[in-house]
Amino acid sequence: MALYEHVLLARQDISGQQAEALAEHFKGV
């Protein structure tokens, strides 16, 4: 199974908490 590296780009105006929540969401994918 190939391993894929994901780059998550987020807008600069979101809060750190929102960025953390996005990161957690995509970890589960």
PDB file of N, CA and C in Angstrom:
ATOM      1  N   MET A   1       0.849  -1.194   0.000  1.00  0.00           N
ATOM      2  CA  MET A   1       0.000   0.000   0.000  1.00  0.00           C
ATOM      3  C   MET A   1       0.882   1.241   0.000  1.00  0.00           C
ATOM      4  N   ALA A   2       0.640   2.102  -0.950  1.00  0.00           N
ATOM      5  CA  ALA A   2       1.450   3.307  -1.059  1.00  0.00           C
ATOM      6  C   ALA A   2       1.103   4.296   0.047  1.00  0.00           C
ATOM      7  N   LEU A   3       2.111   5.019   0.458  1.00  0.00           N
ATOM      8  CA  LEU A   3       1.888   6.059   1.465  1.00  0.00           C
ATOM      9  C   LEU A   3       1.831   7.405   0.762  1.00  0.00           C
ATOM     10  N   TYR A   4       0.868   8.187   1.146  1.00  0.00           N
ATOM     11  CA  TYR A   4       0.697   9.493   0.526  1.00  0.00           C
ATOM     12  C   TYR A   4       0.947  10.589   1.549  1.00  0.00           C
ATOM     13  N   GLU A   5       1.635  11.609   1.098  1.00  0.00           N
ATOM     14  CA  GLU A   5       1.876  12.760   1.966  1.00  0.00           C
ATOM     15  C   GLU A   5       0.847  13.825   1.623  1.00  0.00           C
ATOM     16  N   HIS A   6       0.188  14.317   2.641  1.00  0.00           N
ATOM     17  CA  HIS A   6      -0.861  15.310   2.420  1.00  0.00           C
ATOM     18  C   HIS A   6      -0.383  16.688   2.857  1.00  0.00           C
ATOM     19  N   VAL A   7      -0.636  17.656   2.024  1.00  0.00           N
ATOM     20  CA  VAL A   7      -0.329  19.039   2.363  1.00  0.00           C
ATOM     21  C   VAL A   7      -1.656  19.757   2.550  1.00  0.00           C
ATOM     22  N   LEU A   8      -1.851  20.271   3.753  1.00  0.00           N
ATOM     23  CA  LEU A   8      -3.102  20.950   4.066  1.00  0.00           C
ATOM     24  C   LEU A   8      -2.877  22.458   4.019  1.00  0.00           C
ATOM     25  N   LEU A   9      -3.555  23.108   3.086  1.00  0.00           N
ATOM     26  CA  LEU A   9      -3.451  24.554   2.962  1.00  0.00           C
ATOM     27  C   LEU A   9      -4.702  25.190   3.547  1.00  0.00           C
ATOM     28  N   ALA A  10      -4.493  26.119   4.449  1.00  0.00           N
ATOM     29  CA  ALA A  10      -5.623  26.802   5.067  1.00  0.00           C
ATOM     30  C   ALA A  10      -5.441  28.307   4.909  1.00  0.00           C
ATOM     31  N   ARG A  11      -6.551  29.010   4.901  1.00  0.00           N
ATOM     32  CA  ARG A  11      -6.475  30.467   4.795  1.00  0.00           C
ATOM     33  C   ARG A  11      -5.803  31.046   6.028  1.00  0.00           C
ATOM     34  N   GLN A  12      -5.156  32.160   5.851  1.00  0.00           N
ATOM     35  CA  GLN A  12      -4.420  32.793   6.942  1.00  0.00           C
ATOM     36  C   GLN A  12      -5.338  33.384   8.009  1.00  0.00           C
ATOM     37  N   ASP A  13      -6.607  33.612   7.675  1.00  0.00           N
ATOM     38  CA  ASP A  13      -7.489  34.308   8.615  1.00  0.00           C
ATOM     39  C   ASP A  13      -8.284  33.373   9.529  1.00  0.00           C
ATOM     40  N   ILE A  14      -8.042  32.062   9.439  1.00  0.00           N
ATOM     41  CA  ILE A  14      -8.736  31.182  10.377  1.00  0.00           C
ATOM     42  C   ILE A  14      -7.950  31.110  11.680  1.00  0.00           C
ATOM     43  N   SER A  15      -8.641  30.784  12.743  1.00  0.00           N
ATOM     44  CA  SER A  15      -7.983  30.727  14.044  1.00  0.00           C
ATOM     45  C   SER A  15      -7.164  29.457  14.168  1.00  0.00           C
ATOM     46  N   GLY A  16      -6.231  29.459  15.099  1.00  0.00           N
ATOM     47  CA  GLY A  16      -5.418  28.281  15.352  1.00  0.00           C
ATOM     48  C   GLY A  16      -6.269  27.092  15.738  1.00  0.00           C
ATOM     49  N   GLN A  17      -7.328  27.341  16.491  1.00  0.00           N
ATOM     50  CA  GLN A  17      -8.201  26.245  16.923  1.00  0.00           C
ATOM     51  C   GLN A  17      -8.887  25.604  15.724  1.00  0.00           C
ATOM     52  N   GLN A  18      -9.325  26.425  14.784  1.00  0.00           N
ATOM     53  CA  GLN A  18      -9.957  25.886  13.580  1.00  0.00           C
ATOM     54  C   GLN A  18      -8.952  25.085  12.757  1.00  0.00           C
ATOM     55  N   ALA A  19      -7.717  25.564  12.699  1.00  0.00           N
ATOM     56  CA  ALA A  19      -6.685  24.851  11.956  1.00  0.00           C
ATOM     57  C   ALA A  19      -6.425  23.491  12.593  1.00  0.00           C
ATOM     58  N   GLU A  20      -6.392  23.451  13.927  1.00  0.00           N
ATOM     59  CA  GLU A  20      -6.194  22.184  14.636  1.00  0.00           C
ATOM     60  C   GLU A  20      -7.349  21.230  14.361  1.00  0.00           C
ATOM     61  N   ALA A  21      -8.566  21.761  14.346  1.00  0.00           N
ATOM     62  CA  ALA A  21      -9.737  20.923  14.098  1.00  0.00           C
ATOM     63  C   ALA A  21      -9.680  20.343  12.679  1.00  0.00           C
ATOM     64  N   LEU A  22      -9.254  21.149  11.717  1.00  0.00           N
ATOM     65  CA  LEU A  22      -9.111  20.660  10.345  1.00  0.00           C
ATOM     66  C   LEU A  22      -8.064  19.557  10.278  1.00  0.00           C
ATOM     67  N   ALA A  23      -6.949  19.766  10.972  1.00  0.00           N
ATOM     68  CA  ALA A  23      -5.882  18.768  10.968  1.00  0.00           C
ATOM     69  C   ALA A  23      -6.385  17.453  11.548  1.00  0.00           C
ATOM     70  N   GLU A  24      -7.127  17.521  12.637  1.00  0.00           N
ATOM     71  CA  GLU A  24      -7.672  16.309  13.257  1.00  0.00           C
ATOM     72  C   GLU A  24      -8.651  15.614  12.316  1.00  0.00           C
ATOM     73  N   HIS A  25      -9.449  16.415  11.618  1.00  0.00           N
ATOM     74  CA  HIS A  25     -10.423  15.853  10.685  1.00  0.00           C
ATOM     75  C   HIS A  25      -9.726  15.067   9.576  1.00  0.00           C
ATOM     76  N   PHE A  26      -8.675  15.656   9.010  1.00  0.00           N
ATOM     77  CA  PHE A  26      -8.013  15.009   7.887  1.00  0.00           C
ATOM     78  C   PHE A  26      -7.140  13.846   8.316  1.00  0.00           C
ATOM     79  N   LYS A  27      -6.730  13.806   9.582  1.00  0.00           N
ATOM     80  CA  LYS A  27      -5.976  12.653  10.080  1.00  0.00           C
ATOM     81  C   LYS A  27      -6.833  11.395  10.031  1.00  0.00           C
ATOM     82  N   GLY A  28      -8.142  11.573  10.169  1.00  0.00           N
ATOM     83  CA  GLY A  28      -9.036  10.427  10.191  1.00  0.00           C
ATOM     84  C   GLY A  28      -9.383   9.888   8.811  1.00  0.00           C
ATOM     85  N   VAL A  29      -8.999  10.589   7.773  1.00  0.00           N
ATOM     86  CA  VAL A  29      -9.335  10.167   6.411  1.00  0.00           C
ATOM     87  C   VAL A  29      -8.432   9.021   5.981  1.00  0.00           C
TER      88      VAL A  29
END
